N, C-alpha and C. Protein backbone atom coordinates (compact mmCIF):
# COMPACT_ATOMS: atom_id res chain seq x y z
N MET A 1 1.58 -3.60 -25.29
CA MET A 1 1.98 -3.95 -24.11
C MET A 1 2.04 -2.96 -23.32
N VAL A 2 1.67 -3.02 -21.85
CA VAL A 2 1.99 -2.03 -21.05
C VAL A 2 2.91 -2.45 -19.61
N VAL A 3 4.16 -1.74 -19.29
CA VAL A 3 5.00 -1.94 -18.75
C VAL A 3 4.75 -0.98 -17.24
N GLY A 4 4.34 -1.17 -16.11
CA GLY A 4 4.39 -0.26 -14.77
C GLY A 4 5.56 -0.77 -14.00
N TYR A 5 6.01 -0.07 -13.28
CA TYR A 5 7.05 0.05 -12.18
C TYR A 5 7.23 1.21 -11.43
N GLY A 6 7.43 1.02 -10.09
CA GLY A 6 7.32 1.78 -9.12
C GLY A 6 8.52 1.83 -8.31
N ILE A 7 8.44 2.58 -7.23
CA ILE A 7 9.81 2.28 -6.09
C ILE A 7 8.99 2.73 -4.75
N ILE A 8 8.83 2.07 -4.00
CA ILE A 8 8.18 2.20 -2.62
C ILE A 8 9.34 2.60 -1.40
N THR A 9 9.56 3.59 -0.84
CA THR A 9 10.20 3.92 0.10
C THR A 9 9.63 3.59 1.70
N PHE A 10 10.79 2.88 2.49
CA PHE A 10 10.01 2.40 3.77
C PHE A 10 10.93 2.99 5.04
N ARG A 11 10.50 3.14 6.29
CA ARG A 11 11.00 3.58 7.13
C ARG A 11 11.04 2.20 8.14
N LEU A 12 12.11 1.76 8.08
CA LEU A 12 12.12 0.60 9.26
C LEU A 12 12.57 0.76 10.76
N HIS A 13 11.17 1.15 11.36
CA HIS A 13 11.70 1.49 12.88
C HIS A 13 12.26 0.80 13.98
N ASP A 14 12.42 -0.88 14.04
CA ASP A 14 12.88 -1.54 14.88
C ASP A 14 14.05 -2.20 14.64
N CYS A 15 14.74 -1.57 13.35
CA CYS A 15 16.13 -2.10 12.76
C CYS A 15 17.04 -1.23 13.47
N ARG A 16 17.84 -2.11 14.01
CA ARG A 16 19.11 -1.61 14.84
C ARG A 16 20.38 -1.98 14.20
N SER A 17 20.30 -2.75 12.83
CA SER A 17 21.83 -3.50 12.15
C SER A 17 21.21 -3.49 10.67
N LEU A 18 22.34 -3.42 9.72
CA LEU A 18 22.05 -3.77 8.72
C LEU A 18 21.57 -5.46 8.58
N LYS A 19 22.16 -6.32 9.36
CA LYS A 19 21.54 -7.66 9.30
C LYS A 19 19.94 -7.69 9.61
N GLU A 20 19.55 -7.15 10.34
CA GLU A 20 18.23 -6.85 10.94
C GLU A 20 17.26 -6.33 9.77
N LYS A 21 17.67 -5.20 9.11
CA LYS A 21 17.36 -4.57 7.79
C LYS A 21 17.26 -5.82 6.37
N ARG A 22 17.98 -6.49 6.26
CA ARG A 22 18.05 -7.38 5.51
C ARG A 22 16.88 -8.72 5.57
N SER A 23 17.03 -8.97 7.19
CA SER A 23 15.96 -9.54 7.09
C SER A 23 14.45 -9.28 7.03
N VAL A 24 14.04 -8.12 7.15
CA VAL A 24 12.93 -7.02 7.13
C VAL A 24 12.51 -7.06 5.78
N VAL A 25 13.71 -6.72 4.81
CA VAL A 25 13.58 -6.06 3.42
C VAL A 25 13.33 -7.68 2.67
N LYS A 26 14.13 -8.52 2.94
CA LYS A 26 13.86 -10.23 2.34
C LYS A 26 12.36 -10.49 2.59
N SER A 27 11.98 -10.41 3.94
CA SER A 27 10.25 -10.72 3.96
C SER A 27 9.67 -9.89 3.19
N VAL A 28 9.62 -8.48 3.07
CA VAL A 28 8.78 -7.71 2.61
C VAL A 28 8.76 -8.25 0.88
N VAL A 29 9.80 -8.28 0.27
CA VAL A 29 10.05 -8.72 -1.06
C VAL A 29 9.44 -9.89 -1.34
N HIS A 30 9.49 -10.96 -0.66
CA HIS A 30 9.18 -12.25 -0.48
C HIS A 30 7.47 -12.32 -0.57
N GLN A 31 7.05 -11.32 0.25
CA GLN A 31 5.74 -11.42 0.51
C GLN A 31 4.91 -10.65 -0.65
N ILE A 32 5.63 -9.47 -1.46
CA ILE A 32 5.19 -9.15 -2.49
C ILE A 32 5.17 -10.04 -3.60
N GLN A 33 6.18 -10.65 -3.72
CA GLN A 33 6.25 -11.52 -4.86
C GLN A 33 5.35 -12.79 -5.04
N ASN A 34 5.07 -12.91 -3.91
CA ASN A 34 4.28 -14.30 -3.73
C ASN A 34 2.84 -13.78 -4.00
N HIS A 35 2.34 -12.79 -3.33
CA HIS A 35 1.31 -12.21 -3.33
C HIS A 35 0.75 -11.81 -4.86
N PHE A 36 1.58 -11.12 -5.75
CA PHE A 36 1.32 -10.42 -6.62
C PHE A 36 2.03 -10.98 -8.33
N ASN A 37 2.79 -12.10 -7.89
CA ASN A 37 3.48 -12.73 -8.83
C ASN A 37 4.46 -11.11 -9.75
N VAL A 38 5.12 -10.28 -9.27
CA VAL A 38 5.83 -9.34 -9.87
C VAL A 38 7.39 -9.37 -9.68
N SER A 39 7.91 -8.79 -10.33
CA SER A 39 9.23 -8.57 -10.19
C SER A 39 9.92 -7.83 -9.22
N VAL A 40 10.47 -7.93 -7.92
CA VAL A 40 10.37 -6.86 -6.61
C VAL A 40 12.04 -7.28 -6.48
N ALA A 41 12.74 -6.06 -6.16
CA ALA A 41 14.14 -6.24 -5.67
C ALA A 41 14.20 -4.74 -4.47
N GLU A 42 15.17 -5.06 -3.83
CA GLU A 42 15.68 -3.53 -3.06
C GLU A 42 16.58 -2.81 -4.01
N VAL A 43 16.41 -1.66 -4.10
CA VAL A 43 17.00 -1.01 -5.01
C VAL A 43 17.71 0.47 -4.89
N GLY A 44 17.43 0.91 -3.33
CA GLY A 44 18.50 1.96 -3.30
C GLY A 44 18.35 2.01 -1.18
N ALA A 45 19.07 2.86 -0.89
CA ALA A 45 19.14 3.02 0.73
C ALA A 45 19.69 1.84 1.19
N ASN A 46 20.56 1.03 0.33
CA ASN A 46 21.53 -0.27 0.88
C ASN A 46 22.10 -0.09 1.88
N ASP A 47 22.62 0.83 2.48
CA ASP A 47 23.64 1.29 3.72
C ASP A 47 22.99 2.02 4.64
N ILE A 48 21.80 1.82 4.71
CA ILE A 48 20.86 2.96 5.83
C ILE A 48 20.02 1.80 6.53
N HIS A 49 20.40 1.67 7.71
CA HIS A 49 19.63 0.62 8.57
C HIS A 49 18.12 0.74 8.77
N GLN A 50 17.64 2.34 8.74
CA GLN A 50 16.50 2.29 9.20
C GLN A 50 15.60 2.60 7.84
N MET A 51 16.38 2.69 6.62
CA MET A 51 15.37 2.95 5.52
C MET A 51 15.43 1.90 4.21
N ALA A 52 14.30 1.65 3.65
CA ALA A 52 14.72 0.66 2.33
C ALA A 52 13.71 1.37 1.21
N GLU A 53 14.30 1.02 0.06
CA GLU A 53 13.91 1.29 -1.37
C GLU A 53 13.84 -0.02 -2.02
N ILE A 54 12.20 -0.26 -2.32
CA ILE A 54 12.05 -1.55 -2.87
C ILE A 54 11.57 -1.29 -4.46
N GLY A 55 11.84 -1.49 -5.29
CA GLY A 55 11.26 -1.68 -6.37
C GLY A 55 10.69 -2.79 -7.10
N PHE A 56 9.43 -2.39 -8.15
CA PHE A 56 8.99 -3.50 -8.65
C PHE A 56 8.54 -3.09 -10.14
N ALA A 57 8.19 -4.47 -10.50
CA ALA A 57 7.87 -4.20 -12.42
C ALA A 57 6.97 -5.09 -13.03
N LEU A 58 6.20 -4.82 -13.41
CA LEU A 58 5.09 -5.72 -14.31
C LEU A 58 4.78 -5.46 -15.58
N VAL A 59 4.09 -6.39 -16.37
CA VAL A 59 3.71 -6.22 -17.87
C VAL A 59 2.31 -6.74 -17.67
N GLY A 60 1.25 -6.00 -18.70
CA GLY A 60 0.08 -6.59 -18.73
C GLY A 60 -0.14 -5.97 -20.40
N ASN A 61 -1.44 -6.43 -20.68
CA ASN A 61 -2.31 -6.39 -21.92
C ASN A 61 -2.94 -4.87 -22.15
N SER A 62 -3.23 -4.52 -20.70
CA SER A 62 -4.06 -3.31 -20.66
C SER A 62 -3.53 -2.18 -19.67
N GLY A 63 -3.68 -0.79 -19.79
CA GLY A 63 -3.49 0.14 -18.78
C GLY A 63 -4.28 0.14 -17.25
N PRO A 64 -5.25 -0.12 -17.77
CA PRO A 64 -6.17 -0.08 -16.54
C PRO A 64 -5.96 -1.18 -15.41
N LEU A 65 -5.72 -2.19 -16.28
CA LEU A 65 -5.47 -3.44 -15.19
C LEU A 65 -3.87 -3.55 -14.83
N VAL A 66 -2.79 -2.84 -15.23
CA VAL A 66 -1.48 -2.53 -15.01
C VAL A 66 -1.60 -2.11 -13.46
N ASN A 67 -2.57 -0.42 -14.16
CA ASN A 67 -2.73 0.38 -12.74
C ASN A 67 -3.27 -0.02 -11.46
N SER A 68 -4.30 -0.72 -11.90
CA SER A 68 -4.96 -1.57 -10.90
C SER A 68 -4.06 -2.45 -9.65
N LYS A 69 -3.18 -2.92 -10.37
CA LYS A 69 -2.56 -3.97 -9.73
C LYS A 69 -1.41 -3.42 -9.06
N MET A 70 -1.01 -2.01 -9.58
CA MET A 70 0.30 -1.22 -8.85
C MET A 70 -0.40 -0.34 -7.56
N ASP A 71 -1.72 -0.09 -7.67
CA ASP A 71 -2.50 0.34 -6.75
C ASP A 71 -2.55 -0.92 -5.50
N LYS A 72 -2.84 -1.72 -5.86
CA LYS A 72 -2.88 -3.10 -5.03
C LYS A 72 -1.76 -3.17 -4.24
N ILE A 73 -0.64 -3.39 -4.98
CA ILE A 73 0.76 -3.71 -4.45
C ILE A 73 1.03 -2.14 -3.56
N LEU A 74 0.97 -1.11 -3.52
CA LEU A 74 1.06 -0.09 -2.84
C LEU A 74 0.07 -0.11 -1.58
N ASN A 75 -1.12 -0.41 -1.49
CA ASN A 75 -2.34 -0.94 -0.35
C ASN A 75 -1.28 -1.93 0.41
N PHE A 76 -0.88 -3.05 -0.31
CA PHE A 76 -0.59 -4.00 0.46
C PHE A 76 0.59 -3.66 1.39
N ALA A 77 1.55 -2.53 0.39
CA ALA A 77 2.87 -2.37 1.40
C ALA A 77 2.29 -1.37 2.36
N HIS A 78 1.35 -0.52 2.05
CA HIS A 78 0.88 0.38 3.47
C HIS A 78 0.16 -0.56 4.60
N GLU A 79 -0.30 -1.82 4.34
CA GLU A 79 -0.77 -2.86 5.51
C GLU A 79 0.23 -3.44 6.12
N LEU A 80 1.29 -3.53 5.50
CA LEU A 80 2.23 -4.18 5.97
C LEU A 80 2.95 -3.64 7.51
N ARG A 81 3.19 -4.17 8.71
CA ARG A 81 3.02 -3.93 10.06
C ARG A 81 4.67 -3.87 10.39
N VAL A 82 5.65 -4.32 9.46
CA VAL A 82 6.80 -4.40 9.69
C VAL A 82 7.38 -3.45 9.36
N ALA A 83 6.96 -2.28 8.58
CA ALA A 83 7.98 -1.06 7.80
C ALA A 83 6.58 -0.22 7.67
N GLN A 84 6.90 1.05 7.49
CA GLN A 84 6.17 2.14 7.26
C GLN A 84 6.62 2.72 6.09
N VAL A 85 5.46 2.79 5.13
CA VAL A 85 5.66 3.72 3.78
C VAL A 85 5.47 5.10 4.08
N ILE A 86 6.67 5.71 3.22
CA ILE A 86 7.06 7.12 3.59
C ILE A 86 6.84 7.85 2.18
N ASP A 87 7.11 7.05 1.12
CA ASP A 87 7.01 7.58 -0.26
C ASP A 87 6.89 6.58 -1.04
N SER A 88 6.36 6.82 -2.22
CA SER A 88 6.10 6.20 -3.18
C SER A 88 6.08 6.71 -4.48
N GLU A 89 6.94 6.44 -5.82
CA GLU A 89 6.63 6.76 -7.18
C GLU A 89 6.53 5.56 -8.29
N MET A 90 5.17 6.09 -8.77
CA MET A 90 4.69 4.51 -10.08
C MET A 90 4.72 5.48 -11.10
N GLU A 91 5.16 4.34 -12.15
CA GLU A 91 4.94 4.97 -13.63
C GLU A 91 4.39 3.74 -14.56
N MET A 92 3.61 4.17 -15.40
CA MET A 92 3.27 3.37 -16.41
C MET A 92 4.06 3.76 -18.12
N MET A 93 3.93 2.85 -18.79
CA MET A 93 4.51 3.34 -20.11
C MET A 93 3.89 2.23 -21.13
N ARG A 94 3.63 2.56 -22.24
CA ARG A 94 2.77 1.80 -23.27
C ARG A 94 3.99 1.48 -24.38
N LEU A 95 4.25 0.61 -24.77
CA LEU A 95 5.35 -0.41 -25.60
C LEU A 95 4.58 -0.23 -27.05
């Protein structure tokens, strides 16, 4: 079994309040969950209205499959027009 997980840090340019940030983060989380069927949540920068950290995790049978899916998630995040990816960390672990 291979577990892949990562954190993507976004800059939210048009958010002027935490309420606007929640709306954008909810949309990003929902889009990633629906498109890739992975676990996704906001994991950091909770009180900063122009930053968001989204964490994700997935499990698979092979390392190349998990790695490919994580790359696709990162590419998808880069294509989102509501936020700019400024950093990302991804790791895999074989259990």
